[in-house]
Structures are given as C-alpha cells and as structure tokens.
Amino acid sequence: MKKPKHSKNSGFTLLEVMVAVGILAFALVTLLGAVNRNIILTANARNTELAANLANEMLTRIEIEGIPEVREDKGEFENHSGFEWFLSIKPFNLSQLEAEINIVRVIITWDEGEEAYEVNLAIENKR
C-alpha cells in the first residue's frame, strides 16, 4: 500500500484561523448582548406587573373603605422592598352634573424612583 503524500499546502493558514475566530467572537458577543437585553426587559416587565398589582390592590382597598377623605400620603410596601407608593386624593367639583367627585391618584415607584407606574381613579361621593 502506498502512503498518501502530504503536500505543503494541507490544513489552514494562521490567517484563515484568525478570521474564523474573529467571526465566531463577533457572533458570540452579539448573542450575549441579546441575552443580556432580554434579561433586563424581563426584569422590567416583572417589576411593572408587580407595580400594577400593588396599585390595583391599593385602589381596591380605597373603594372598599367607601368615600375616601381628601389627603396625600406616601410609604413603602413591607412585603416588597424597593417599592414605594404615593397616594393623592383630591376633590374635583363638576357643577354641570351636580356631582362631587374625588380623584384618586396612586403612583408606585421602584429602582430608587427611577421607574414608576401611575393609576388614576375618579370616585363619586354619593351622599
């Protein structure tokens, strides 16, 4: 049997290997950037959903209490560290409809106030 002859030009050159590694590195950096962005967006969506649930919970409690008194208040959630709430209840007189209405404004903030979720509700004072 004859042994195959090896030529001088068999295999890849250093330049070809470096180009292939460069292309692979670029692809990996792009993919890792996309994964990182996805993680950030998921965390933001989770926090926004939690803020919406907390705001709705506060509004439900206010509606159950009945006619809310005019006030402004703020505080932190005990079970959700990093989330703060701001509550504003102000009268809104609508003389055309002869109705007394209170505007309830709830703002939930997180990330040290950098992010916020706001809900407004109008409640008629039925006396």
C-alpha atoms as a PDB file:
ATOM      1  CA  MET A   1       0.000   0.000   0.000  1.00  0.00           C
ATOM      2  CA  LYS A   2       1.083   3.466  -0.737  1.00  0.00           C
ATOM      3  CA  LYS A   3       1.035   6.123   1.908  1.00  0.00           C
ATOM      4  CA  PRO A   4      -0.736   9.326   0.979  1.00  0.00           C
ATOM      5  CA  LYS A   5       1.610  12.122   0.216  1.00  0.00           C
ATOM      6  CA  HIS A   6       1.339  15.210   2.361  1.00  0.00           C
ATOM      7  CA  SER A   7       1.625  18.413   0.489  1.00  0.00           C
ATOM      8  CA  LYS A   8       2.966  21.639   1.895  1.00  0.00           C
ATOM      9  CA  ASN A   9      -0.443  23.305   1.458  1.00  0.00           C
ATOM     10  CA  SER A  10      -2.584  20.918   3.523  1.00  0.00           C
ATOM     11  CA  GLY A  11      -4.513  22.441   6.505  1.00  0.00           C
ATOM     12  CA  PHE A  12      -5.483  26.016   7.343  1.00  0.00           C
ATOM     13  CA  THR A  13      -3.232  29.008   7.427  1.00  0.00           C
ATOM     14  CA  LEU A  14      -2.912  31.114  10.546  1.00  0.00           C
ATOM     15  CA  LEU A  15      -4.741  33.957   8.813  1.00  0.00           C
ATOM     16  CA  GLU A  16      -7.736  31.727   7.984  1.00  0.00           C
ATOM     17  CA  VAL A  17      -7.945  30.518  11.582  1.00  0.00           C
ATOM     18  CA  MET A  18      -7.749  34.083  12.915  1.00  0.00           C
ATOM     19  CA  VAL A  19     -10.547  35.237  10.574  1.00  0.00           C
ATOM     20  CA  ALA A  20     -12.730  32.288  11.641  1.00  0.00           C
ATOM     21  CA  VAL A  21     -12.090  33.031  15.341  1.00  0.00           C
ATOM     22  CA  GLY A  22     -12.898  36.714  14.748  1.00  0.00           C
ATOM     23  CA  ILE A  23     -16.213  35.874  13.084  1.00  0.00           C
ATOM     24  CA  LEU A  24     -17.077  33.458  15.906  1.00  0.00           C
ATOM     25  CA  ALA A  25     -16.180  36.063  18.557  1.00  0.00           C
ATOM     26  CA  PHE A  26     -18.352  38.685  16.863  1.00  0.00           C
ATOM     27  CA  ALA A  27     -21.300  36.266  16.727  1.00  0.00           C
ATOM     28  CA  LEU A  28     -20.895  35.336  20.413  1.00  0.00           C
ATOM     29  CA  VAL A  29     -20.715  38.968  21.539  1.00  0.00           C
ATOM     30  CA  THR A  30     -23.878  39.746  19.563  1.00  0.00           C
ATOM     31  CA  LEU A  31     -25.718  36.774  21.076  1.00  0.00           C
ATOM     32  CA  LEU A  32     -24.594  37.593  24.614  1.00  0.00           C
ATOM     33  CA  GLY A  33     -25.760  41.188  24.153  1.00  0.00           C
ATOM     34  CA  ALA A  34     -29.176  39.958  23.039  1.00  0.00           C
ATOM     35  CA  VAL A  35     -29.429  37.612  26.031  1.00  0.00           C
ATOM     36  CA  ASN A  36     -28.437  40.407  28.423  1.00  0.00           C
ATOM     37  CA  ARG A  37     -31.041  42.747  26.898  1.00  0.00           C
ATOM     38  CA  ASN A  38     -33.667  40.032  27.224  1.00  0.00           C
ATOM     39  CA  ILE A  39     -32.858  39.584  30.929  1.00  0.00           C
ATOM     40  CA  ILE A  40     -33.199  43.336  31.523  1.00  0.00           C
ATOM     41  CA  LEU A  41     -36.528  43.510  29.656  1.00  0.00           C
ATOM     42  CA  THR A  42     -37.864  40.527  31.608  1.00  0.00           C
ATOM     43  CA  ALA A  43     -36.942  42.148  34.933  1.00  0.00           C
ATOM     44  CA  ASN A  44     -38.589  45.432  33.865  1.00  0.00           C
ATOM     45  CA  ALA A  45     -41.756  43.607  32.813  1.00  0.00           C
ATOM     46  CA  ARG A  46     -41.860  41.713  36.123  1.00  0.00           C
ATOM     47  CA  ASN A  47     -41.453  44.940  38.119  1.00  0.00           C
ATOM     48  CA  THR A  48     -44.097  46.766  36.062  1.00  0.00           C
ATOM     49  CA  GLU A  49     -46.548  43.900  36.552  1.00  0.00           C
ATOM     50  CA  LEU A  50     -45.890  43.885  40.304  1.00  0.00           C
ATOM     51  CA  ALA A  51     -46.366  47.667  40.459  1.00  0.00           C
ATOM     52  CA  ALA A  52     -49.676  47.368  38.589  1.00  0.00           C
ATOM     53  CA  ASN A  53     -50.872  44.692  41.008  1.00  0.00           C
ATOM     54  CA  LEU A  54     -49.837  46.767  44.033  1.00  0.00           C
ATOM     55  CA  ALA A  55     -51.591  49.865  42.658  1.00  0.00           C
ATOM     56  CA  ASN A  56     -54.770  47.916  41.929  1.00  0.00           C
ATOM     57  CA  GLU A  57     -54.666  46.436  45.430  1.00  0.00           C
ATOM     58  CA  MET A  58     -54.454  49.938  46.923  1.00  0.00           C
ATOM     59  CA  LEU A  59     -57.326  51.200  44.771  1.00  0.00           C
ATOM     60  CA  THR A  60     -59.460  48.221  45.736  1.00  0.00           C
ATOM     61  CA  ARG A  61     -58.885  48.937  49.441  1.00  0.00           C
ATOM     62  CA  ILE A  62     -59.818  52.593  48.910  1.00  0.00           C
ATOM     63  CA  GLU A  63     -63.015  51.630  47.061  1.00  0.00           C
ATOM     64  CA  ILE A  64     -63.990  49.168  49.809  1.00  0.00           C
ATOM     65  CA  GLU A  65     -63.471  51.820  52.516  1.00  0.00           C
ATOM     66  CA  GLY A  66     -66.152  53.980  50.898  1.00  0.00           C
ATOM     67  CA  ILE A  67     -65.856  57.710  50.341  1.00  0.00           C
ATOM     68  CA  PRO A  68     -62.150  58.492  50.600  1.00  0.00           C
ATOM     69  CA  GLU A  69     -61.042  61.506  52.610  1.00  0.00           C
ATOM     70  CA  VAL A  70     -59.022  64.189  50.855  1.00  0.00           C
ATOM     71  CA  ARG A  71     -55.364  63.582  51.655  1.00  0.00           C
ATOM     72  CA  GLU A  72     -51.853  62.966  50.398  1.00  0.00           C
ATOM     73  CA  ASP A  73     -49.750  60.148  51.792  1.00  0.00           C
ATOM     74  CA  LYS A  74     -46.731  58.009  50.961  1.00  0.00           C
ATOM     75  CA  GLY A  75     -44.997  54.918  52.241  1.00  0.00           C
ATOM     76  CA  GLU A  76     -43.172  51.700  51.456  1.00  0.00           C
ATOM     77  CA  PHE A  77     -44.506  48.219  50.904  1.00  0.00           C
ATOM     78  CA  GLU A  78     -43.481  45.893  53.721  1.00  0.00           C
ATOM     79  CA  ASN A  79     -43.529  42.733  51.588  1.00  0.00           C
ATOM     80  CA  HIS A  80     -41.879  44.265  48.525  1.00  0.00           C
ATOM     81  CA  SER A  81     -38.648  46.037  49.369  1.00  0.00           C
ATOM     82  CA  GLY A  82     -37.636  48.780  46.986  1.00  0.00           C
ATOM     83  CA  PHE A  83     -41.235  49.607  46.034  1.00  0.00           C
ATOM     84  CA  GLU A  84     -42.762  52.832  47.361  1.00  0.00           C
ATOM     85  CA  TRP A  85     -46.267  54.268  46.991  1.00  0.00           C
ATOM     86  CA  PHE A  86     -47.637  57.773  46.765  1.00  0.00           C
ATOM     87  CA  LEU A  87     -51.351  58.451  47.253  1.00  0.00           C
ATOM     88  CA  SER A  88     -53.211  61.651  46.435  1.00  0.00           C
ATOM     89  CA  ILE A  89     -56.956  62.120  46.875  1.00  0.00           C
ATOM     90  CA  LYS A  90     -58.268  65.491  45.740  1.00  0.00           C
ATOM     91  CA  PRO A  91     -61.790  66.810  45.181  1.00  0.00           C
ATOM     92  CA  PHE A  92     -62.986  67.525  41.678  1.00  0.00           C
ATOM     93  CA  ASN A  93     -66.210  69.510  41.512  1.00  0.00           C
ATOM     94  CA  LEU A  94     -68.246  69.036  38.399  1.00  0.00           C
ATOM     95  CA  SER A  95     -71.049  71.551  38.796  1.00  0.00           C
ATOM     96  CA  GLN A  96     -72.648  70.700  35.455  1.00  0.00           C
ATOM     97  CA  LEU A  97     -73.524  67.213  36.680  1.00  0.00           C
ATOM     98  CA  GLU A  98     -74.090  68.271  40.270  1.00  0.00           C
ATOM     99  CA  ALA A  99     -71.718  65.568  41.433  1.00  0.00           C
ATOM    100  CA  GLU A 100     -68.918  65.528  43.964  1.00  0.00           C
ATOM    101  CA  ILE A 101     -66.011  63.513  42.684  1.00  0.00           C
ATOM    102  CA  ASN A 102     -62.687  62.638  44.261  1.00  0.00           C
ATOM    103  CA  ILE A 103     -59.724  61.938  42.011  1.00  0.00           C
ATOM    104  CA  VAL A 104     -57.575  59.174  43.471  1.00  0.00           C
ATOM    105  CA  ARG A 105     -54.006  59.059  42.176  1.00  0.00           C
ATOM    106  CA  VAL A 106     -51.693  56.171  43.059  1.00  0.00           C
ATOM    107  CA  ILE A 107     -48.056  56.136  41.973  1.00  0.00           C
ATOM    108  CA  ILE A 108     -45.843  53.107  42.577  1.00  0.00           C
ATOM    109  CA  THR A 109     -42.089  53.665  42.205  1.00  0.00           C
ATOM    110  CA  TRP A 110     -39.092  51.333  42.235  1.00  0.00           C
ATOM    111  CA  ASP A 111     -35.398  51.397  41.360  1.00  0.00           C
ATOM    112  CA  GLU A 112     -34.950  54.324  43.751  1.00  0.00           C
ATOM    113  CA  GLY A 113     -37.659  56.335  41.991  1.00  0.00           C
ATOM    114  CA  GLU A 114     -36.247  55.843  38.511  1.00  0.00           C
ATOM    115  CA  GLU A 115     -39.233  53.752  37.388  1.00  0.00           C
ATOM    116  CA  ALA A 116     -42.896  54.499  38.104  1.00  0.00           C
ATOM    117  CA  TYR A 117     -46.398  53.178  37.454  1.00  0.00           C
ATOM    118  CA  GLU A 118     -49.383  55.509  37.856  1.00  0.00           C
ATOM    119  CA  VAL A 119     -53.113  54.855  38.136  1.00  0.00           C
ATOM    120  CA  ASN A 120     -55.874  57.457  38.437  1.00  0.00           C
ATOM    121  CA  LEU A 121     -59.435  56.775  39.519  1.00  0.00           C
ATOM    122  CA  ALA A 122     -62.481  59.013  39.847  1.00  0.00           C
ATOM    123  CA  ILE A 123     -64.844  58.115  42.711  1.00  0.00           C
ATOM    124  CA  GLU A 124     -68.237  59.790  43.043  1.00  0.00           C
ATOM    125  CA  ASN A 125     -69.243  60.857  46.532  1.00  0.00           C
ATOM    126  CA  LYS A 126     -72.771  59.573  46.891  1.00  0.00           C
ATOM    127  CA  ARG A 127     -74.294  61.207  49.953  1.00  0.00           C
END
